[in-house]
């Protein structure tokens, strides 16, 4: 998936605070925005399940 080519939409999810904190830190470590990081992780997960 190429970021910026597809229309993006916002959605809200509720997660435990500790998990959100860990995700934010990991996205910083990876040098990605939070949105880009979550997109990559979720896309990778879905691809594994195909």
N, C-alpha and C. Protein backbone atom coordinates (compact mmCIF):
# COMPACT_ATOMS: atom_id res chain seq x y z
N UNK A 1 0.85 -1.17 0.00
CA UNK A 1 0.00 0.00 0.00
C UNK A 1 0.89 1.23 0.00
N UNK A 2 0.64 2.14 -0.90
CA UNK A 2 1.43 3.36 -0.99
C UNK A 2 0.68 4.47 -0.27
N UNK A 3 1.32 4.99 0.77
CA UNK A 3 0.69 6.03 1.56
C UNK A 3 0.43 7.27 0.72
N UNK A 4 -0.74 7.84 0.86
CA UNK A 4 -1.07 9.07 0.17
C UNK A 4 -1.82 8.86 -1.13
N UNK A 5 -1.82 7.64 -1.67
CA UNK A 5 -2.52 7.37 -2.93
C UNK A 5 -3.97 7.00 -2.72
N UNK A 6 -4.28 6.42 -1.59
CA UNK A 6 -5.64 6.02 -1.30
C UNK A 6 -6.29 7.04 -0.37
N UNK A 7 -7.59 7.22 -0.56
CA UNK A 7 -8.32 8.12 0.32
C UNK A 7 -8.25 7.56 1.74
N UNK A 8 -7.95 8.39 2.66
CA UNK A 8 -7.85 7.99 4.06
C UNK A 8 -9.12 8.42 4.80
N UNK A 9 -9.47 7.66 5.80
CA UNK A 9 -10.60 8.00 6.64
C UNK A 9 -10.20 7.82 8.10
N UNK A 10 -10.78 8.60 8.94
CA UNK A 10 -10.46 8.56 10.37
C UNK A 10 -11.46 7.67 11.09
N UNK A 11 -10.96 6.89 12.05
CA UNK A 11 -11.86 6.15 12.93
C UNK A 11 -11.24 6.07 14.31
N UNK A 12 -12.08 5.93 15.29
CA UNK A 12 -11.63 5.91 16.68
C UNK A 12 -11.76 4.51 17.24
N UNK A 13 -10.76 4.11 18.00
CA UNK A 13 -10.80 2.84 18.72
C UNK A 13 -10.39 3.12 20.16
N UNK A 14 -10.86 2.30 21.05
CA UNK A 14 -10.51 2.44 22.45
C UNK A 14 -9.59 1.29 22.84
N UNK A 15 -8.42 1.64 23.32
CA UNK A 15 -7.41 0.66 23.70
C UNK A 15 -6.90 0.99 25.10
N UNK A 16 -6.34 0.01 25.79
CA UNK A 16 -5.76 0.28 27.10
C UNK A 16 -4.63 1.31 26.98
N UNK A 17 -4.55 2.19 27.97
CA UNK A 17 -3.57 3.29 27.95
C UNK A 17 -2.14 2.78 27.79
N UNK A 18 -1.80 1.69 28.44
CA UNK A 18 -0.44 1.14 28.34
C UNK A 18 -0.13 0.71 26.91
N UNK A 19 -1.10 0.12 26.23
CA UNK A 19 -0.91 -0.30 24.85
C UNK A 19 -0.73 0.91 23.94
N UNK A 20 -1.52 1.93 24.13
CA UNK A 20 -1.40 3.16 23.34
C UNK A 20 -0.02 3.78 23.52
N UNK A 21 0.43 3.83 24.74
CA UNK A 21 1.76 4.39 25.04
C UNK A 21 2.85 3.59 24.33
N UNK A 22 2.74 2.27 24.38
CA UNK A 22 3.74 1.42 23.73
C UNK A 22 3.71 1.60 22.20
N UNK A 23 2.53 1.70 21.63
CA UNK A 23 2.40 1.91 20.18
C UNK A 23 3.00 3.25 19.79
N UNK A 24 2.73 4.29 20.56
CA UNK A 24 3.29 5.61 20.26
C UNK A 24 4.82 5.59 20.32
N UNK A 25 5.37 4.96 21.34
CA UNK A 25 6.82 4.88 21.46
C UNK A 25 7.43 4.08 20.32
N UNK A 26 6.78 2.98 19.95
CA UNK A 26 7.30 2.15 18.86
C UNK A 26 7.26 2.90 17.54
N UNK A 27 6.22 3.69 17.30
CA UNK A 27 6.15 4.45 16.06
C UNK A 27 7.27 5.47 15.99
N UNK A 28 7.60 6.09 17.11
CA UNK A 28 8.72 7.03 17.17
C UNK A 28 10.02 6.30 16.89
N UNK A 29 10.20 5.13 17.51
CA UNK A 29 11.42 4.34 17.29
C UNK A 29 11.58 3.96 15.82
N UNK A 30 10.46 3.71 15.14
CA UNK A 30 10.48 3.31 13.74
C UNK A 30 10.58 4.52 12.81
N UNK A 31 10.46 5.73 13.37
CA UNK A 31 10.54 6.94 12.54
C UNK A 31 9.30 7.17 11.70
N UNK A 32 8.16 6.69 12.18
CA UNK A 32 6.91 6.83 11.45
C UNK A 32 5.90 7.63 12.26
N UNK A 33 4.98 8.26 11.55
CA UNK A 33 3.87 8.89 12.26
C UNK A 33 3.04 7.77 12.89
N UNK A 34 2.25 8.11 13.87
CA UNK A 34 1.41 7.12 14.51
C UNK A 34 0.48 6.47 13.49
N UNK A 35 -0.12 7.28 12.63
CA UNK A 35 -1.03 6.74 11.60
C UNK A 35 -0.31 5.79 10.65
N UNK A 36 0.86 6.18 10.19
CA UNK A 36 1.62 5.33 9.27
C UNK A 36 2.02 4.02 9.93
N UNK A 37 2.41 4.10 11.20
CA UNK A 37 2.80 2.90 11.93
C UNK A 37 1.63 1.94 12.09
N UNK A 38 0.49 2.46 12.53
CA UNK A 38 -0.69 1.61 12.73
C UNK A 38 -1.13 1.02 11.39
N UNK A 39 -1.09 1.82 10.32
CA UNK A 39 -1.45 1.32 9.00
C UNK A 39 -0.53 0.16 8.60
N UNK A 40 0.76 0.31 8.80
CA UNK A 40 1.70 -0.74 8.44
C UNK A 40 1.46 -2.00 9.26
N UNK A 41 1.30 -1.84 10.56
CA UNK A 41 1.09 -3.01 11.43
C UNK A 41 -0.18 -3.74 11.06
N UNK A 42 -1.26 -3.01 10.84
CA UNK A 42 -2.53 -3.65 10.52
C UNK A 42 -2.49 -4.28 9.12
N UNK A 43 -1.87 -3.62 8.16
CA UNK A 43 -1.73 -4.19 6.81
C UNK A 43 -0.90 -5.47 6.84
N UNK A 44 0.19 -5.44 7.58
CA UNK A 44 1.03 -6.64 7.71
C UNK A 44 0.25 -7.78 8.35
N UNK A 45 -0.51 -7.48 9.38
CA UNK A 45 -1.31 -8.50 10.06
C UNK A 45 -2.33 -9.11 9.11
N UNK A 46 -3.04 -8.28 8.38
CA UNK A 46 -4.05 -8.79 7.46
C UNK A 46 -3.42 -9.60 6.33
N UNK A 47 -2.27 -9.16 5.86
CA UNK A 47 -1.58 -9.89 4.80
C UNK A 47 -1.18 -11.29 5.28
N UNK A 48 -0.74 -11.40 6.52
CA UNK A 48 -0.36 -12.70 7.09
C UNK A 48 -1.55 -13.66 7.14
N UNK A 49 -2.74 -13.11 7.33
CA UNK A 49 -3.94 -13.93 7.50
C UNK A 49 -4.55 -14.35 6.17
N UNK A 50 -4.04 -13.84 5.05
CA UNK A 50 -4.59 -14.21 3.73
C UNK A 50 -4.09 -15.53 3.28
